[in-house]
Amino acid sequence: MTSKKMSKPANLVLASLGLLLSLGALAESAPTTYTYDANLDIQNVLSISSVEEGRTCKPIDYIMKYADSSGKIQTVKYKALSDACSRGH
């Protein structure tokens, strides 16, 4: 009997933890799309990565993760020329 009473709170804790982790993953998976009139509050750039390979010189999507002035992690998606443009391809 004791094991059933102890397992219920443990299950609740695990379920709560799982929910929090999944909500964090959802928030991270949907970056804001950058527009020219956007006023970004960038304190520190954490990473910049391309969404696709740019073997030819063309605009491609990039994802930038940054911390704003309050320390909150933000993600923005924007277009820029591929690295191939700087190599003359």
N, C-alpha and C. Protein backbone atom coordinates (compact mmCIF):
# COMPACT_ATOMS: atom_id res chain seq x y z
N MET A 1 0.81 -1.19 0.00
CA MET A 1 0.00 0.00 0.00
C MET A 1 0.85 1.26 0.00
N THR A 2 1.90 1.23 0.73
CA THR A 2 2.75 2.41 0.82
C THR A 2 3.35 2.75 -0.54
N SER A 3 3.71 1.74 -1.31
CA SER A 3 4.32 2.01 -2.61
C SER A 3 3.35 2.70 -3.55
N LYS A 4 2.05 2.41 -3.47
CA LYS A 4 1.07 3.08 -4.32
C LYS A 4 0.95 4.55 -3.94
N LYS A 5 0.97 4.86 -2.66
CA LYS A 5 0.87 6.25 -2.22
C LYS A 5 2.10 7.04 -2.63
N MET A 6 3.26 6.44 -2.60
CA MET A 6 4.48 7.15 -2.95
C MET A 6 4.64 7.29 -4.46
N SER A 7 4.08 6.37 -5.21
CA SER A 7 4.25 6.44 -6.66
C SER A 7 3.36 7.51 -7.28
N LYS A 8 2.24 7.84 -6.66
CA LYS A 8 1.35 8.85 -7.22
C LYS A 8 2.01 10.24 -7.24
N PRO A 9 2.61 10.71 -6.14
CA PRO A 9 3.31 11.99 -6.21
C PRO A 9 4.51 11.96 -7.16
N ALA A 10 5.19 10.83 -7.20
CA ALA A 10 6.34 10.72 -8.11
C ALA A 10 5.88 10.82 -9.56
N ASN A 11 4.76 10.19 -9.88
CA ASN A 11 4.21 10.26 -11.23
C ASN A 11 3.80 11.69 -11.57
N LEU A 12 3.23 12.39 -10.60
CA LEU A 12 2.82 13.77 -10.81
C LEU A 12 4.03 14.66 -11.09
N VAL A 13 5.09 14.45 -10.34
CA VAL A 13 6.32 15.22 -10.55
C VAL A 13 6.90 14.93 -11.94
N LEU A 14 6.95 13.67 -12.32
CA LEU A 14 7.49 13.31 -13.63
C LEU A 14 6.62 13.85 -14.76
N ALA A 15 5.31 13.80 -14.59
CA ALA A 15 4.41 14.33 -15.61
C ALA A 15 4.58 15.84 -15.74
N SER A 16 4.72 16.53 -14.62
CA SER A 16 4.92 17.98 -14.65
C SER A 16 6.23 18.34 -15.33
N LEU A 17 7.27 17.60 -15.01
CA LEU A 17 8.57 17.84 -15.63
C LEU A 17 8.50 17.61 -17.14
N GLY A 18 7.85 16.55 -17.55
CA GLY A 18 7.69 16.26 -18.97
C GLY A 18 6.93 17.36 -19.69
N LEU A 19 5.89 17.88 -19.06
CA LEU A 19 5.10 18.96 -19.66
C LEU A 19 5.94 20.21 -19.81
N LEU A 20 6.70 20.55 -18.79
CA LEU A 20 7.55 21.74 -18.87
C LEU A 20 8.60 21.62 -19.97
N LEU A 21 9.21 20.45 -20.08
CA LEU A 21 10.21 20.24 -21.12
C LEU A 21 9.59 20.30 -22.52
N SER A 22 8.41 19.76 -22.69
CA SER A 22 7.78 19.79 -24.00
C SER A 22 7.33 21.20 -24.37
N LEU A 23 6.90 21.99 -23.40
CA LEU A 23 6.53 23.38 -23.68
C LEU A 23 7.76 24.18 -24.09
N GLY A 24 8.88 23.91 -23.47
CA GLY A 24 10.12 24.58 -23.84
C GLY A 24 10.53 24.23 -25.26
N ALA A 25 10.35 22.99 -25.64
CA ALA A 25 10.69 22.56 -26.99
C ALA A 25 9.77 23.20 -28.01
N LEU A 26 8.49 23.35 -27.69
CA LEU A 26 7.56 24.00 -28.59
C LEU A 26 7.91 25.47 -28.79
N ALA A 27 8.25 26.14 -27.71
CA ALA A 27 8.60 27.55 -27.81
C ALA A 27 9.85 27.74 -28.65
N GLU A 28 10.79 26.83 -28.56
CA GLU A 28 12.04 26.95 -29.30
C GLU A 28 11.86 26.58 -30.77
N SER A 29 10.88 25.77 -31.11
CA SER A 29 10.73 25.29 -32.47
C SER A 29 10.05 26.28 -33.40
N ALA A 30 9.53 27.39 -32.90
CA ALA A 30 8.82 28.34 -33.74
C ALA A 30 9.51 29.71 -33.68
N PRO A 31 10.53 29.93 -34.53
CA PRO A 31 11.20 31.23 -34.51
C PRO A 31 10.32 32.32 -35.09
N THR A 32 10.54 33.54 -34.64
CA THR A 32 9.86 34.70 -35.19
C THR A 32 10.50 35.03 -36.53
N THR A 33 9.69 35.33 -37.54
CA THR A 33 10.23 35.72 -38.83
C THR A 33 10.56 37.20 -38.81
N TYR A 34 11.79 37.53 -39.15
CA TYR A 34 12.27 38.91 -39.12
C TYR A 34 11.61 39.73 -40.22
N THR A 35 11.22 40.96 -39.88
CA THR A 35 10.77 41.95 -40.85
C THR A 35 11.62 43.20 -40.65
N TYR A 36 11.72 44.02 -41.68
CA TYR A 36 12.60 45.19 -41.61
C TYR A 36 12.18 46.19 -40.54
N ASP A 37 10.92 46.22 -40.19
CA ASP A 37 10.47 47.17 -39.16
C ASP A 37 10.57 46.58 -37.74
N ALA A 38 11.10 45.37 -37.61
CA ALA A 38 11.23 44.74 -36.29
C ALA A 38 12.28 45.47 -35.46
N ASN A 39 11.99 45.64 -34.18
CA ASN A 39 12.92 46.28 -33.25
C ASN A 39 13.46 45.18 -32.34
N LEU A 40 14.58 44.59 -32.74
CA LEU A 40 15.15 43.47 -31.98
C LEU A 40 15.95 43.98 -30.79
N ASP A 41 15.80 43.31 -29.67
CA ASP A 41 16.52 43.63 -28.44
C ASP A 41 17.60 42.57 -28.24
N ILE A 42 18.72 42.71 -28.93
CA ILE A 42 19.78 41.70 -28.90
C ILE A 42 20.88 42.13 -27.95
N GLN A 43 21.02 41.37 -26.88
CA GLN A 43 22.10 41.62 -25.92
C GLN A 43 23.33 40.78 -26.27
N ASN A 44 23.07 39.50 -26.66
CA ASN A 44 24.17 38.58 -26.93
C ASN A 44 23.71 37.54 -27.96
N VAL A 45 24.43 37.42 -29.07
CA VAL A 45 24.12 36.41 -30.08
C VAL A 45 24.68 35.07 -29.62
N LEU A 46 23.82 34.05 -29.56
CA LEU A 46 24.23 32.72 -29.11
C LEU A 46 24.64 31.82 -30.27
N SER A 47 23.90 31.88 -31.38
CA SER A 47 24.24 31.06 -32.54
C SER A 47 23.54 31.58 -33.78
N ILE A 48 24.17 31.32 -34.92
CA ILE A 48 23.57 31.59 -36.23
C ILE A 48 23.81 30.35 -37.07
N SER A 49 22.73 29.81 -37.64
CA SER A 49 22.87 28.62 -38.47
C SER A 49 21.99 28.74 -39.70
N SER A 50 22.44 28.14 -40.80
CA SER A 50 21.64 28.15 -42.02
C SER A 50 20.67 26.98 -42.00
N VAL A 51 19.51 27.20 -42.57
CA VAL A 51 18.47 26.17 -42.61
C VAL A 51 18.74 25.20 -43.76
N GLU A 52 19.37 25.68 -44.81
CA GLU A 52 19.63 24.85 -45.98
C GLU A 52 21.06 25.08 -46.46
N GLU A 53 21.55 24.19 -47.28
CA GLU A 53 22.87 24.33 -47.89
C GLU A 53 22.77 25.31 -49.05
N GLY A 54 23.67 26.25 -49.10
CA GLY A 54 23.69 27.20 -50.20
C GLY A 54 24.92 26.99 -51.06
N ARG A 55 24.82 26.09 -52.02
CA ARG A 55 25.98 25.79 -52.88
C ARG A 55 26.10 26.82 -54.01
N THR A 56 25.01 27.53 -54.27
CA THR A 56 25.04 28.61 -55.25
C THR A 56 24.69 29.90 -54.55
N CYS A 57 25.07 31.01 -55.17
CA CYS A 57 24.81 32.32 -54.57
C CYS A 57 23.32 32.64 -54.71
N LYS A 58 22.63 32.61 -53.58
CA LYS A 58 21.19 32.90 -53.56
C LYS A 58 20.78 33.21 -52.13
N PRO A 59 19.63 33.86 -51.93
CA PRO A 59 19.13 34.08 -50.56
C PRO A 59 18.65 32.76 -49.95
N ILE A 60 19.07 32.51 -48.71
CA ILE A 60 18.62 31.32 -47.98
C ILE A 60 18.19 31.74 -46.57
N ASP A 61 17.50 30.83 -45.89
CA ASP A 61 17.03 31.10 -44.52
C ASP A 61 18.13 30.82 -43.51
N TYR A 62 18.21 31.69 -42.52
CA TYR A 62 19.10 31.52 -41.38
C TYR A 62 18.28 31.61 -40.10
N ILE A 63 18.75 30.95 -39.05
CA ILE A 63 18.13 31.02 -37.73
C ILE A 63 19.17 31.60 -36.77
N MET A 64 18.78 32.66 -36.06
CA MET A 64 19.68 33.25 -35.06
C MET A 64 19.03 33.12 -33.69
N LYS A 65 19.79 32.56 -32.73
CA LYS A 65 19.36 32.51 -31.34
C LYS A 65 20.14 33.57 -30.58
N TYR A 66 19.42 34.33 -29.75
CA TYR A 66 20.09 35.39 -29.01
C TYR A 66 19.42 35.59 -27.66
N ALA A 67 20.15 36.22 -26.76
CA ALA A 67 19.59 36.59 -25.46
C ALA A 67 19.24 38.07 -25.53
N ASP A 68 18.03 38.41 -25.06
CA ASP A 68 17.65 39.82 -25.03
C ASP A 68 18.15 40.47 -23.74
N SER A 69 17.84 41.75 -23.53
CA SER A 69 18.38 42.47 -22.38
C SER A 69 17.87 41.94 -21.04
N SER A 70 16.77 41.18 -21.05
CA SER A 70 16.27 40.58 -19.81
C SER A 70 16.81 39.17 -19.61
N GLY A 71 17.61 38.67 -20.56
CA GLY A 71 18.19 37.33 -20.45
C GLY A 71 17.35 36.25 -21.10
N LYS A 72 16.19 36.59 -21.64
CA LYS A 72 15.31 35.61 -22.29
C LYS A 72 15.90 35.22 -23.65
N ILE A 73 15.88 33.92 -23.94
CA ILE A 73 16.40 33.42 -25.21
C ILE A 73 15.33 33.60 -26.28
N GLN A 74 15.70 34.24 -27.38
CA GLN A 74 14.81 34.49 -28.51
C GLN A 74 15.38 33.80 -29.74
N THR A 75 14.51 33.51 -30.70
CA THR A 75 14.93 32.91 -31.96
C THR A 75 14.27 33.67 -33.10
N VAL A 76 15.06 34.05 -34.09
CA VAL A 76 14.52 34.78 -35.23
C VAL A 76 15.02 34.12 -36.52
N LYS A 77 14.12 34.07 -37.51
CA LYS A 77 14.45 33.51 -38.82
C LYS A 77 14.54 34.67 -39.80
N TYR A 78 15.58 34.66 -40.63
CA TYR A 78 15.74 35.74 -41.60
C TYR A 78 16.42 35.20 -42.86
N LYS A 79 16.37 35.99 -43.93
CA LYS A 79 17.01 35.61 -45.19
C LYS A 79 18.28 36.42 -45.36
N ALA A 80 19.31 35.76 -45.90
CA ALA A 80 20.57 36.41 -46.25
C ALA A 80 21.20 35.60 -47.38
N LEU A 81 22.17 36.20 -48.05
CA LEU A 81 22.85 35.49 -49.12
C LEU A 81 23.67 34.33 -48.56
N SER A 82 23.71 33.24 -49.31
CA SER A 82 24.46 32.05 -48.88
C SER A 82 25.95 32.34 -48.86
N ASP A 83 26.70 31.49 -48.17
CA ASP A 83 28.15 31.63 -48.10
C ASP A 83 28.80 31.49 -49.47
N ALA A 84 28.13 30.84 -50.40
CA ALA A 84 28.68 30.66 -51.74
C ALA A 84 28.90 32.01 -52.43
N CYS A 85 28.14 33.02 -52.05
CA CYS A 85 28.29 34.35 -52.67
C CYS A 85 29.66 34.95 -52.37
N SER A 86 30.17 34.72 -51.17
CA SER A 86 31.48 35.27 -50.81
C SER A 86 32.62 34.48 -51.45
N ARG A 87 32.31 33.28 -51.93
CA ARG A 87 33.32 32.45 -52.60
C ARG A 87 33.25 32.60 -54.12
N GLY A 88 32.32 33.43 -54.60
CA GLY A 88 32.21 33.67 -56.04
C GLY A 88 31.49 32.59 -56.82
N HIS A 89 30.60 31.84 -56.17
CA HIS A 89 29.87 30.76 -56.87
C HIS A 89 28.49 31.22 -57.22
